[in-house]
Amino acid sequence: MNSAKTWFLMALLTVILVLIGRFVGGAHGMLVFLVLGIAINFFSYWSSGRMAILMTRSRPASEAELPEVYAMVRRLTERANLPMPEIYITPTDQPNAFATGRNPAHAKVAVTEGILRLLPARELEGVLAHEIGHVRNRDILISSMAATLAGVISYIANALQWAVMFGFGSRDDDRDNVALEIITMIFAPIAAMMIQMAISRSREFKADATGARLVGDPNPLADALEHLEMYAHRIPNPVNPATSHLFIVNPFRGESIARLFSTHPSTAERVARLRNMRILG
């Protein structure tokens, strides 16, 4: 299923770029942007994890710097029979976390400065278990690619707006072509949000359940989600909006139009499901 979604995102990006190429340079522009789309797809597949780290301004953290986090992640990955991921710190006061990478062998787990200060160890382990759940469920590639592609489309949309302002683009007088140019310019940023929404919200429920089983108790994660949701309303997160779906809770609750296109299921529903879980053994 995730493989099909990956191909879908690649195809969608290519179509969007070809339409933008039509606006920029007609048939020749379509060909150029087709090649560009193929190149971006190839780059995104192999480098989306690194791009997500760069887009969130995260930095590597050593075991000497975060011994407790390393101990928790090592314990959880051993239970999940996974290799140890790289650990990063994201420079924001909002408590949050995310996982990224091409596959478990190239996984990266990032925690924010805020989560290290504000969550007790018990809840932090629940959050880390959720992120290891994403790695185990192998949905980090599709999420990482979506962040990269949404960022690319948003960047191109901004450039397109400047092109329109300065009179660049197709010189065809055909009104249909002019309408197509306007529609393309409007559609591009919406497409970036739709790409993020294409990531099934069910993956968060699955990662919650996997994380709860790794810890052996659903309550630490349930408690953490309630606290993270509360902090998300109070503490801003200056990360790139294209990466919002990566985080365990939506970092833009209550302060961005992106909330209308939520990439996360209701936190209350996630908590309710966790509270009702019964873990055997």
Protein backbone atom coordinates (compact mmCIF):
# COMPACT_ATOMS: atom_id res chain seq x y z
CA MET A 1 0.00 0.00 0.00
CA ASN A 2 2.77 2.44 0.91
CA SER A 3 4.58 1.52 -2.30
CA ALA A 4 1.48 2.42 -4.33
CA LYS A 5 1.22 5.76 -2.52
CA THR A 6 4.86 6.49 -3.25
CA TRP A 7 4.30 5.96 -6.97
CA PHE A 8 1.14 8.07 -6.78
CA LEU A 9 3.04 10.99 -5.25
CA MET A 10 5.76 10.71 -7.90
CA ALA A 11 3.17 10.75 -10.68
CA LEU A 12 1.28 13.66 -9.11
CA LEU A 13 4.42 15.76 -8.78
CA THR A 14 5.32 15.06 -12.41
CA VAL A 15 1.87 16.13 -13.64
CA ILE A 16 2.00 19.34 -11.60
CA LEU A 17 5.47 20.20 -12.90
CA VAL A 18 4.44 19.53 -16.50
CA LEU A 19 1.49 21.93 -16.08
CA ILE A 20 3.81 24.54 -14.62
CA GLY A 21 6.17 23.94 -17.54
CA ARG A 22 3.29 24.64 -19.92
CA PHE A 23 2.83 28.01 -18.24
CA VAL A 24 6.52 28.88 -18.24
CA GLY A 25 7.46 27.87 -21.78
CA GLY A 26 4.71 26.09 -23.67
CA ALA A 27 5.53 22.67 -25.19
CA HIS A 28 9.27 23.15 -24.68
CA GLY A 29 8.68 24.07 -21.05
CA MET A 30 6.57 20.94 -20.53
CA LEU A 31 9.45 18.78 -21.75
CA VAL A 32 11.97 20.57 -19.53
CA PHE A 33 9.76 20.28 -16.46
CA LEU A 34 9.06 16.62 -17.23
CA VAL A 35 12.78 15.93 -17.02
CA LEU A 36 12.93 18.09 -13.87
CA GLY A 37 10.09 16.09 -12.33
CA ILE A 38 11.85 12.78 -12.98
CA ALA A 39 15.07 14.16 -11.46
CA ILE A 40 13.25 15.48 -8.36
CA ASN A 41 11.44 12.16 -7.88
CA PHE A 42 14.72 10.27 -8.03
CA PHE A 43 16.36 12.69 -5.61
CA SER A 44 13.37 12.60 -3.25
CA TYR A 45 13.36 8.81 -3.09
CA TRP A 46 17.00 8.62 -2.07
CA SER A 47 17.35 11.83 -0.06
CA SER A 48 13.92 12.64 1.40
CA GLY A 49 15.02 11.72 4.92
CA ARG A 50 17.96 14.13 4.80
CA MET A 51 15.72 16.79 3.27
CA ALA A 52 13.18 16.44 6.10
CA ILE A 53 15.99 16.94 8.60
CA LEU A 54 17.18 20.05 6.75
CA MET A 55 13.65 21.46 6.39
CA THR A 56 13.09 21.17 10.15
CA ARG A 57 16.57 22.56 10.91
CA SER A 58 17.29 19.51 13.05
CA ARG A 59 20.86 18.69 14.11
CA PRO A 60 22.53 15.42 15.12
CA ALA A 61 22.61 14.64 18.84
CA SER A 62 25.30 12.45 20.38
CA GLU A 63 24.69 9.81 23.01
CA ALA A 64 26.72 11.89 25.47
CA GLU A 65 24.27 14.76 24.90
CA LEU A 66 21.07 12.68 25.16
CA PRO A 67 21.92 9.51 27.09
CA GLU A 68 18.34 8.96 28.30
CA VAL A 69 16.88 9.27 24.80
CA TYR A 70 19.49 6.91 23.37
CA ALA A 71 18.78 4.38 26.11
CA MET A 72 15.03 4.51 25.44
CA VAL A 73 15.39 4.26 21.65
CA ARG A 74 17.91 1.43 21.92
CA ARG A 75 15.57 -0.51 24.19
CA LEU A 76 12.60 0.05 21.90
CA THR A 77 14.44 -0.84 18.68
CA GLU A 78 15.72 -4.04 20.27
CA ARG A 79 12.14 -4.99 21.13
CA ALA A 80 11.06 -4.16 17.58
CA ASN A 81 14.05 -6.00 16.08
CA LEU A 82 15.18 -2.86 14.24
CA PRO A 83 18.57 -1.19 13.79
CA MET A 84 19.36 1.83 15.96
CA PRO A 85 18.27 5.04 14.14
CA GLU A 86 20.16 8.32 14.12
CA ILE A 87 18.99 10.76 16.78
CA TYR A 88 18.39 14.47 16.09
CA ILE A 89 17.27 17.55 18.00
CA THR A 90 14.86 20.04 16.40
CA PRO A 91 15.35 23.63 17.63
CA THR A 92 11.85 24.60 18.75
CA ASP A 93 10.26 25.10 22.16
CA GLN A 94 7.12 23.22 21.14
CA PRO A 95 7.18 19.63 22.43
CA ASN A 96 7.02 17.34 19.41
CA ALA A 97 8.87 14.57 17.58
CA PHE A 98 9.05 12.85 14.22
CA ALA A 99 10.71 9.97 12.37
CA THR A 100 12.00 10.07 8.83
CA GLY A 101 14.23 8.14 6.43
CA ARG A 102 14.12 5.83 3.43
CA ASN A 103 13.87 2.59 5.39
CA PRO A 104 14.69 1.20 8.87
CA ALA A 105 18.39 1.04 8.00
CA HIS A 106 18.40 4.78 7.25
CA ALA A 107 15.88 5.89 9.88
CA LYS A 108 16.21 9.12 11.82
CA VAL A 109 14.28 10.08 14.94
CA ALA A 110 14.10 13.75 15.93
CA VAL A 111 12.91 15.22 19.22
CA THR A 112 12.36 18.92 19.84
CA GLU A 113 14.11 20.91 22.52
CA GLY A 114 10.70 21.51 24.07
CA ILE A 115 9.80 17.85 24.45
CA LEU A 116 13.07 17.20 26.27
CA ARG A 117 12.23 19.90 28.80
CA LEU A 118 8.49 19.48 29.25
CA LEU A 119 7.64 15.77 29.11
CA PRO A 120 8.44 13.34 31.92
CA ALA A 121 10.55 10.31 30.99
CA ARG A 122 7.57 7.95 31.05
CA GLU A 123 5.68 9.98 28.45
CA LEU A 124 8.79 10.66 26.37
CA GLU A 125 9.32 6.93 26.03
CA GLY A 126 5.74 6.61 24.79
CA VAL A 127 6.39 9.26 22.13
CA LEU A 128 9.65 7.61 21.05
CA ALA A 129 7.84 4.26 20.85
CA HIS A 130 5.29 5.87 18.51
CA GLU A 131 8.10 7.06 16.23
CA ILE A 132 9.76 3.65 16.28
CA GLY A 133 6.30 2.35 15.38
CA HIS A 134 6.43 4.41 12.19
CA VAL A 135 9.81 2.90 11.39
CA ARG A 136 8.60 -0.63 12.08
CA ASN A 137 5.46 -0.10 10.00
CA ARG A 138 7.65 1.17 7.15
CA ASP A 139 5.68 4.32 6.47
CA ILE A 140 8.59 6.73 6.97
CA LEU A 141 9.52 6.77 3.26
CA ILE A 142 6.11 7.94 2.07
CA SER A 143 5.98 10.59 4.79
CA SER A 144 9.48 11.84 4.05
CA MET A 145 8.82 12.00 0.32
CA ALA A 146 5.58 13.88 0.88
CA ALA A 147 7.44 16.50 2.91
CA THR A 148 10.06 16.93 0.20
CA LEU A 149 7.58 17.07 -2.69
CA ALA A 150 5.24 19.44 -0.86
CA GLY A 151 8.21 21.71 -0.18
CA VAL A 152 9.28 21.65 -3.84
CA ILE A 153 5.79 22.45 -5.08
CA SER A 154 5.38 25.29 -2.58
CA TYR A 155 8.70 26.76 -3.67
CA ILE A 156 7.78 26.54 -7.35
CA ALA A 157 4.36 28.06 -6.65
CA ASN A 158 6.01 31.06 -5.00
CA ALA A 159 8.37 31.46 -7.95
CA LEU A 160 5.38 31.22 -10.30
CA GLN A 161 3.62 34.06 -8.51
CA TRP A 162 6.66 36.28 -8.99
CA ALA A 163 6.77 35.29 -12.67
CA VAL A 164 3.17 36.42 -13.11
CA MET A 165 3.85 39.71 -11.35
CA PHE A 166 6.71 40.51 -13.72
CA GLY A 167 4.91 39.37 -16.84
CA PHE A 168 6.76 36.15 -17.58
CA GLY A 169 5.11 33.01 -18.88
CA SER A 170 3.22 32.03 -21.99
CA ARG A 171 2.70 34.76 -24.56
CA ASP A 172 -0.18 32.97 -26.22
CA ASP A 173 -3.23 35.24 -26.48
CA ASP A 174 -5.64 32.35 -26.34
CA ARG A 175 -7.93 32.97 -23.36
CA ASP A 176 -8.07 29.25 -22.62
CA ASN A 177 -4.31 29.20 -22.18
CA VAL A 178 -4.43 32.24 -19.91
CA ALA A 179 -7.08 30.54 -17.80
CA LEU A 180 -4.92 27.42 -17.60
CA GLU A 181 -1.99 29.51 -16.39
CA ILE A 182 -4.07 31.07 -13.61
CA ILE A 183 -5.53 27.73 -12.56
CA THR A 184 -2.04 26.21 -12.44
CA MET A 185 -0.74 29.01 -10.25
CA ILE A 186 -3.66 28.64 -7.83
CA PHE A 187 -3.61 24.84 -7.86
CA ALA A 188 0.09 24.38 -7.09
CA PRO A 189 0.04 25.38 -3.38
CA ILE A 190 -3.24 23.51 -2.86
CA ALA A 191 -1.62 20.45 -4.41
CA ALA A 192 1.18 20.69 -1.87
CA MET A 193 -1.37 20.42 0.94
CA MET A 194 -3.21 17.61 -0.85
CA ILE A 195 0.02 15.65 -1.09
CA GLN A 196 0.35 15.82 2.68
CA MET A 197 -3.29 14.77 3.08
CA ALA A 198 -2.64 11.79 0.81
CA ILE A 199 -0.73 10.28 3.72
CA SER A 200 -3.36 8.11 5.36
CA ARG A 201 -4.34 9.29 8.82
CA SER A 202 -4.68 5.64 9.76
CA ARG A 203 -0.89 5.42 9.92
CA GLU A 204 -0.98 7.48 13.14
CA PHE A 205 -3.41 5.02 14.75
CA LYS A 206 -1.17 2.13 13.68
CA ALA A 207 1.96 3.81 15.03
CA ASP A 208 0.14 4.56 18.30
CA ALA A 209 -0.84 0.91 18.68
CA THR A 210 2.63 -0.33 17.74
CA GLY A 211 4.26 2.10 20.16
CA ALA A 212 1.94 1.10 23.00
CA ARG A 213 2.82 -2.57 22.48
CA LEU A 214 6.55 -1.81 22.42
CA VAL A 215 6.25 -0.03 25.77
CA GLY A 216 3.83 -2.62 27.13
CA ASP A 217 1.38 0.06 28.27
CA PRO A 218 -0.78 2.45 26.19
CA ASN A 219 -1.15 5.07 28.94
CA PRO A 220 2.26 6.79 28.69
CA LEU A 221 1.62 7.63 25.02
CA ALA A 222 -2.01 8.60 25.71
CA ASP A 223 -0.89 10.98 28.46
CA ALA A 224 1.85 12.38 26.21
CA LEU A 225 -0.58 13.04 23.35
CA GLU A 226 -2.88 15.01 25.64
CA HIS A 227 0.02 17.15 26.83
CA LEU A 228 1.46 17.61 23.32
CA GLU A 229 -1.91 18.72 21.98
CA MET A 230 -2.21 21.29 24.76
CA TYR A 231 1.30 22.63 24.13
CA ALA A 232 0.71 22.78 20.36
CA HIS A 233 -2.03 25.35 20.99
CA ARG A 234 0.19 27.44 23.25
CA ILE A 235 3.71 27.23 21.79
CA PRO A 236 4.39 28.06 18.13
CA ASN A 237 6.58 25.85 15.96
CA PRO A 238 8.50 27.70 13.20
CA VAL A 239 9.18 24.65 11.04
CA ASN A 240 8.36 24.47 7.33
CA PRO A 241 4.60 23.74 6.93
CA ALA A 242 5.47 21.08 4.33
CA THR A 243 6.78 18.93 7.19
CA SER A 244 3.73 19.23 9.46
CA HIS A 245 2.47 15.70 8.76
CA LEU A 246 5.75 14.21 9.99
CA PHE A 247 5.25 15.25 13.60
CA ILE A 248 3.43 13.16 16.18
CA VAL A 249 0.89 15.99 16.65
CA ASN A 250 0.08 18.75 14.19
CA PRO A 251 2.56 21.57 15.02
CA PHE A 252 0.25 24.27 13.65
CA ARG A 253 -2.86 23.72 15.76
CA GLY A 254 -4.93 26.89 15.93
CA GLU A 255 -2.51 29.17 14.12
CA SER A 256 -2.42 28.20 10.46
CA ILE A 257 -4.86 27.82 7.61
CA ALA A 258 -3.24 24.41 7.21
CA ARG A 259 -5.38 23.22 10.12
CA LEU A 260 -8.31 23.21 7.68
CA PHE A 261 -6.44 20.49 5.79
CA SER A 262 -5.43 18.48 8.84
CA THR A 263 -2.85 15.77 8.25
CA HIS A 264 -3.56 14.14 11.63
CA PRO A 265 -6.58 12.38 13.08
CA SER A 266 -8.22 13.85 16.15
CA THR A 267 -5.93 13.64 19.16
CA ALA A 268 -8.96 12.93 21.35
CA GLU A 269 -9.81 9.90 19.19
CA ARG A 270 -6.22 8.68 19.31
CA VAL A 271 -6.19 8.97 23.10
CA ALA A 272 -9.55 7.19 23.39
CA ARG A 273 -8.30 4.28 21.29
CA LEU A 274 -5.16 4.01 23.41
CA ARG A 275 -7.14 4.09 26.65
CA ASN A 276 -9.28 1.23 25.36
CA MET A 277 -6.32 -0.93 24.31
CA ARG A 278 -5.70 -4.19 26.08
CA ILE A 279 -2.13 -5.42 25.88
CA LEU A 280 -1.67 -9.08 26.67
CA GLY A 281 1.40 -10.51 28.32
